[in-house]
Amino acid sequence: MRERTVLKVVAGKIIREGADVGQGQGEGQEIDPSTVWTGTTLSTALANAQAGEGTVDAEGSVPKTRAQPSAPPSRAKHAFTATRSVARKLALQALYRGQLNDGPWQDLVQELGEAEDMANADRGYFRELVEGVWASRQSLDDMLAELMDRPVVQLDPVEHAVLLIGLYELTAQPEVPYRVAINESVGLAKRFGATDGHKFVNAVLDRAARKLRPNEN
């Protein structure tokens, strides 16, 4: 097994760790050539070591222990998912109010923009959902009519808003997996809809996904 050589920067040169370079040795003084690394592949490592004021190994890289820790991918993904879930919940509230009091989608965004949960939401996605659904609600309702066994006008406002969000994500947000779109909508229906309303939402969006995302696993 090859012995690991640790190098350090002294007077602009890379030398072996532990080499005796003399007390106070610095600019203009000679360093024992046997202790100096002369390989040309360490030019980048030299710059990195000087900037980091530390040592480098003989492979020409700063030791991994000096790397800044980063958040685990799973944690970042969870945070992203959580903020979008809150955005969907706030979009549901906005669209619910919009059904009761028709008006510009901008008013709905502004009204919910001061909600307490907005600090934990993906604000951009919230706005995108409200604007997208409100602008295309007629075409979305036409699709819903083909997927249900009842007229759209008979839908409970909460379930109607949930279905609009889910259907919009299936049609206009291809980066959102269909399972995520369905599961998030079902979760909203469970929390805010009528008893067993989530089963109806699940069935309708499942039919929609089979039609709109036939090749997605």
Protein backbone atom coordinates (compact mmCIF):
# COMPACT_ATOMS: atom_id res chain seq x y z
CA MET A 1 0.00 0.00 0.00
CA ARG A 2 1.48 3.37 -1.04
CA GLU A 3 2.34 5.72 1.82
CA ARG A 4 0.37 8.95 1.69
CA THR A 5 2.53 12.06 1.41
CA VAL A 6 1.16 15.26 2.90
CA LEU A 7 2.46 18.52 1.47
CA LYS A 8 2.34 22.10 2.67
CA VAL A 9 3.08 25.55 1.27
CA VAL A 10 6.20 27.36 2.44
CA ALA A 11 7.50 30.50 0.74
CA GLY A 12 5.43 29.87 -2.35
CA LYS A 13 6.60 26.24 -2.73
CA ILE A 14 5.03 22.92 -1.85
CA ILE A 15 7.16 20.83 0.51
CA ARG A 16 6.65 17.56 2.32
CA GLU A 17 4.94 17.80 5.70
CA GLY A 18 7.49 17.36 8.49
CA ALA A 19 10.48 18.48 6.44
CA ASP A 20 12.93 20.65 8.40
CA VAL A 21 13.08 23.91 6.53
CA GLY A 22 14.79 25.88 9.30
CA GLN A 23 13.57 28.42 11.81
CA GLY A 24 12.32 31.59 10.16
CA GLN A 25 13.06 30.36 6.65
CA GLY A 26 11.07 32.31 4.04
CA GLU A 27 11.48 34.39 0.93
CA GLY A 28 14.95 34.32 -0.63
CA GLN A 29 16.22 31.33 1.33
CA GLU A 30 16.97 27.94 -0.09
CA ILE A 31 14.86 24.88 0.68
CA ASP A 32 16.31 21.40 0.51
CA PRO A 33 15.42 20.17 -3.02
CA SER A 34 14.69 16.69 -1.67
CA THR A 35 11.78 18.13 0.31
CA VAL A 36 10.26 20.10 -2.54
CA TRP A 37 7.60 18.73 -4.85
CA THR A 38 8.67 19.49 -8.41
CA GLY A 39 5.78 17.89 -10.30
CA THR A 40 3.99 20.27 -12.65
CA THR A 41 0.58 18.72 -11.95
CA LEU A 42 0.43 20.50 -8.58
CA SER A 43 0.17 24.03 -9.93
CA THR A 44 -3.55 24.15 -9.25
CA ALA A 45 -3.09 22.49 -5.88
CA LEU A 46 -0.54 25.14 -4.94
CA ALA A 47 -2.98 27.94 -5.66
CA ASN A 48 -5.72 26.16 -3.73
CA ALA A 49 -3.45 25.48 -0.77
CA GLN A 50 -2.23 29.06 -0.63
CA ALA A 51 -5.81 30.33 -0.70
CA GLY A 52 -6.86 27.84 1.96
CA GLU A 53 -3.72 28.32 4.09
CA GLY A 54 -3.41 24.59 4.56
CA THR A 55 -1.84 21.44 3.25
CA VAL A 56 -2.43 19.39 0.15
CA ASP A 57 -1.86 15.72 -0.48
CA ALA A 58 0.49 14.27 -3.07
CA GLU A 59 -2.39 13.65 -5.45
CA GLY A 60 -2.58 17.39 -5.99
CA SER A 61 -5.86 18.18 -4.24
CA VAL A 62 -6.92 19.84 -1.02
CA PRO A 63 -7.89 17.23 1.60
CA LYS A 64 -11.60 16.46 1.58
CA THR A 65 -11.87 17.45 5.22
CA ARG A 66 -11.58 21.07 4.12
CA ALA A 67 -14.68 20.90 1.92
CA GLN A 68 -17.65 22.91 3.16
CA PRO A 69 -20.53 20.66 4.23
CA SER A 70 -23.65 20.81 2.10
CA ALA A 71 -27.21 19.83 2.84
CA PRO A 72 -28.02 16.19 2.00
CA PRO A 73 -29.95 15.88 -1.28
CA SER A 74 -32.82 14.19 0.53
CA ARG A 75 -33.20 17.15 2.89
CA ALA A 76 -33.20 19.65 0.03
CA LYS A 77 -35.76 17.58 -1.84
CA HIS A 78 -37.96 17.40 1.23
CA ALA A 79 -37.82 21.18 1.67
CA PHE A 80 -38.74 21.68 -1.99
CA THR A 81 -41.66 19.26 -1.69
CA ALA A 82 -42.90 20.86 1.53
CA THR A 83 -42.95 24.41 0.13
CA ARG A 84 -44.88 23.26 -2.92
CA SER A 85 -47.40 21.43 -0.75
CA VAL A 86 -48.07 24.65 1.16
CA ALA A 87 -48.36 26.50 -2.17
CA ARG A 88 -51.04 24.04 -3.30
CA LYS A 89 -52.96 24.48 -0.06
CA LEU A 90 -52.95 28.26 -0.42
CA ALA A 91 -53.93 27.96 -4.09
CA LEU A 92 -56.87 25.81 -3.00
CA GLN A 93 -58.00 28.53 -0.59
CA ALA A 94 -57.65 31.19 -3.29
CA LEU A 95 -59.57 29.20 -5.88
CA TYR A 96 -62.26 28.35 -3.35
CA ARG A 97 -62.79 32.05 -2.65
CA GLY A 98 -62.72 32.77 -6.36
CA GLN A 99 -65.66 30.44 -6.91
CA LEU A 100 -67.68 32.23 -4.25
CA ASN A 101 -66.72 35.74 -5.34
CA ASP A 102 -65.67 35.93 -8.97
CA GLY A 103 -62.91 38.40 -9.75
CA PRO A 104 -59.42 38.81 -11.23
CA TRP A 105 -56.89 36.16 -10.27
CA GLN A 106 -54.53 38.95 -9.20
CA ASP A 107 -56.94 39.83 -6.39
CA LEU A 108 -56.84 36.23 -5.17
CA VAL A 109 -53.03 36.20 -5.20
CA GLN A 110 -52.88 39.49 -3.34
CA GLU A 111 -55.45 38.40 -0.77
CA LEU A 112 -53.64 35.17 0.06
CA GLY A 113 -50.25 36.78 -0.23
CA GLU A 114 -50.54 37.92 3.37
CA ALA A 115 -51.48 34.49 4.68
CA GLU A 116 -49.44 33.25 7.63
CA ASP A 117 -48.40 30.10 5.78
CA MET A 118 -47.03 32.03 2.81
CA ALA A 119 -43.64 32.24 4.55
CA ASN A 120 -43.40 28.45 4.23
CA ALA A 121 -44.70 28.27 0.66
CA ASP A 122 -43.17 28.37 -2.79
CA ARG A 123 -44.65 31.78 -3.56
CA GLY A 124 -43.85 31.55 -7.26
CA TYR A 125 -45.58 28.20 -7.63
CA PHE A 126 -48.59 29.45 -5.68
CA ARG A 127 -48.97 32.35 -8.11
CA GLU A 128 -48.46 30.05 -11.09
CA LEU A 129 -51.18 27.68 -9.92
CA VAL A 130 -53.73 30.42 -9.27
CA GLU A 131 -53.02 32.26 -12.51
CA GLY A 132 -52.86 29.08 -14.60
CA VAL A 133 -56.03 27.54 -13.24
CA TRP A 134 -58.00 30.78 -13.37
CA ALA A 135 -56.98 31.48 -16.97
CA SER A 136 -57.80 27.97 -18.18
CA ARG A 137 -60.67 27.02 -15.85
CA GLN A 138 -63.20 26.72 -18.71
CA SER A 139 -61.07 24.23 -20.63
CA LEU A 140 -60.28 22.39 -17.40
CA ASP A 141 -63.99 22.19 -16.57
CA ASP A 142 -64.65 20.81 -20.06
CA MET A 143 -62.13 18.04 -19.40
CA LEU A 144 -63.61 17.37 -15.97
CA ALA A 145 -67.06 16.99 -17.53
CA GLU A 146 -65.73 14.12 -19.66
CA LEU A 147 -64.16 12.42 -16.66
CA MET A 148 -67.08 12.57 -14.22
CA ASP A 149 -70.55 11.09 -13.92
CA ARG A 150 -72.07 14.39 -12.74
CA PRO A 151 -72.23 17.98 -14.01
CA VAL A 152 -69.38 20.26 -12.95
CA VAL A 153 -71.87 22.72 -11.43
CA GLN A 154 -72.84 20.07 -8.87
CA LEU A 155 -69.31 19.80 -7.49
CA ASP A 156 -68.59 20.93 -3.96
CA PRO A 157 -66.44 24.12 -4.21
CA VAL A 158 -63.56 22.53 -2.30
CA GLU A 159 -63.52 19.38 -4.42
CA HIS A 160 -63.90 21.50 -7.55
CA ALA A 161 -60.85 23.60 -6.63
CA VAL A 162 -58.83 20.49 -5.76
CA LEU A 163 -59.69 18.88 -9.09
CA LEU A 164 -58.77 22.03 -10.99
CA ILE A 165 -55.36 22.12 -9.32
CA GLY A 166 -54.71 18.43 -9.95
CA LEU A 167 -55.87 18.58 -13.55
CA TYR A 168 -53.84 21.72 -14.20
CA GLU A 169 -50.68 20.02 -12.92
CA LEU A 170 -51.36 16.99 -15.10
CA THR A 171 -51.82 19.13 -18.21
CA ALA A 172 -49.49 22.10 -17.73
CA GLN A 173 -46.77 20.89 -15.33
CA PRO A 174 -45.08 17.92 -17.01
CA GLU A 175 -42.17 18.09 -14.54
CA VAL A 176 -44.59 17.15 -11.75
CA PRO A 177 -44.98 13.34 -11.73
CA TYR A 178 -48.61 12.30 -12.13
CA ARG A 179 -48.46 10.35 -8.88
CA VAL A 180 -47.40 13.51 -7.04
CA ALA A 181 -50.19 15.54 -8.64
CA ILE A 182 -52.79 12.95 -7.65
CA ASN A 183 -51.45 12.31 -4.15
CA GLU A 184 -51.22 16.01 -3.34
CA SER A 185 -54.79 16.62 -4.53
CA VAL A 186 -56.12 13.63 -2.62
CA GLY A 187 -54.36 14.91 0.50
CA LEU A 188 -56.00 18.32 0.11
CA ALA A 189 -59.40 16.70 -0.34
CA LYS A 190 -58.90 14.65 2.82
CA ARG A 191 -58.00 17.74 4.84
CA PHE A 192 -60.53 20.22 3.52
CA GLY A 193 -63.19 18.31 1.58
CA ALA A 194 -66.28 16.35 2.51
CA THR A 195 -66.12 12.87 3.98
CA ASP A 196 -64.93 10.38 1.34
CA GLY A 197 -64.60 13.22 -1.16
CA HIS A 198 -60.96 12.28 -1.59
CA LYS A 199 -62.03 8.96 -3.10
CA PHE A 200 -63.94 10.79 -5.81
CA VAL A 201 -60.97 13.10 -6.44
CA ASN A 202 -58.64 10.12 -6.68
CA ALA A 203 -60.86 8.33 -9.19
CA VAL A 204 -61.29 11.37 -11.44
CA LEU A 205 -57.61 12.30 -11.50
CA ASP A 206 -56.60 8.69 -12.04
CA ARG A 207 -58.73 8.63 -15.19
CA ALA A 208 -57.21 11.94 -16.25
CA ALA A 209 -53.66 10.67 -15.72
CA ARG A 210 -54.31 7.58 -17.83
CA LYS A 211 -55.48 9.83 -20.63
CA LEU A 212 -52.97 12.66 -20.30
CA ARG A 213 -49.87 10.76 -19.19
CA PRO A 214 -50.23 7.35 -20.89
CA ASN A 215 -46.48 6.73 -21.15
CA GLU A 216 -45.52 7.80 -17.64
CA ASN A 217 -44.78 5.06 -15.16
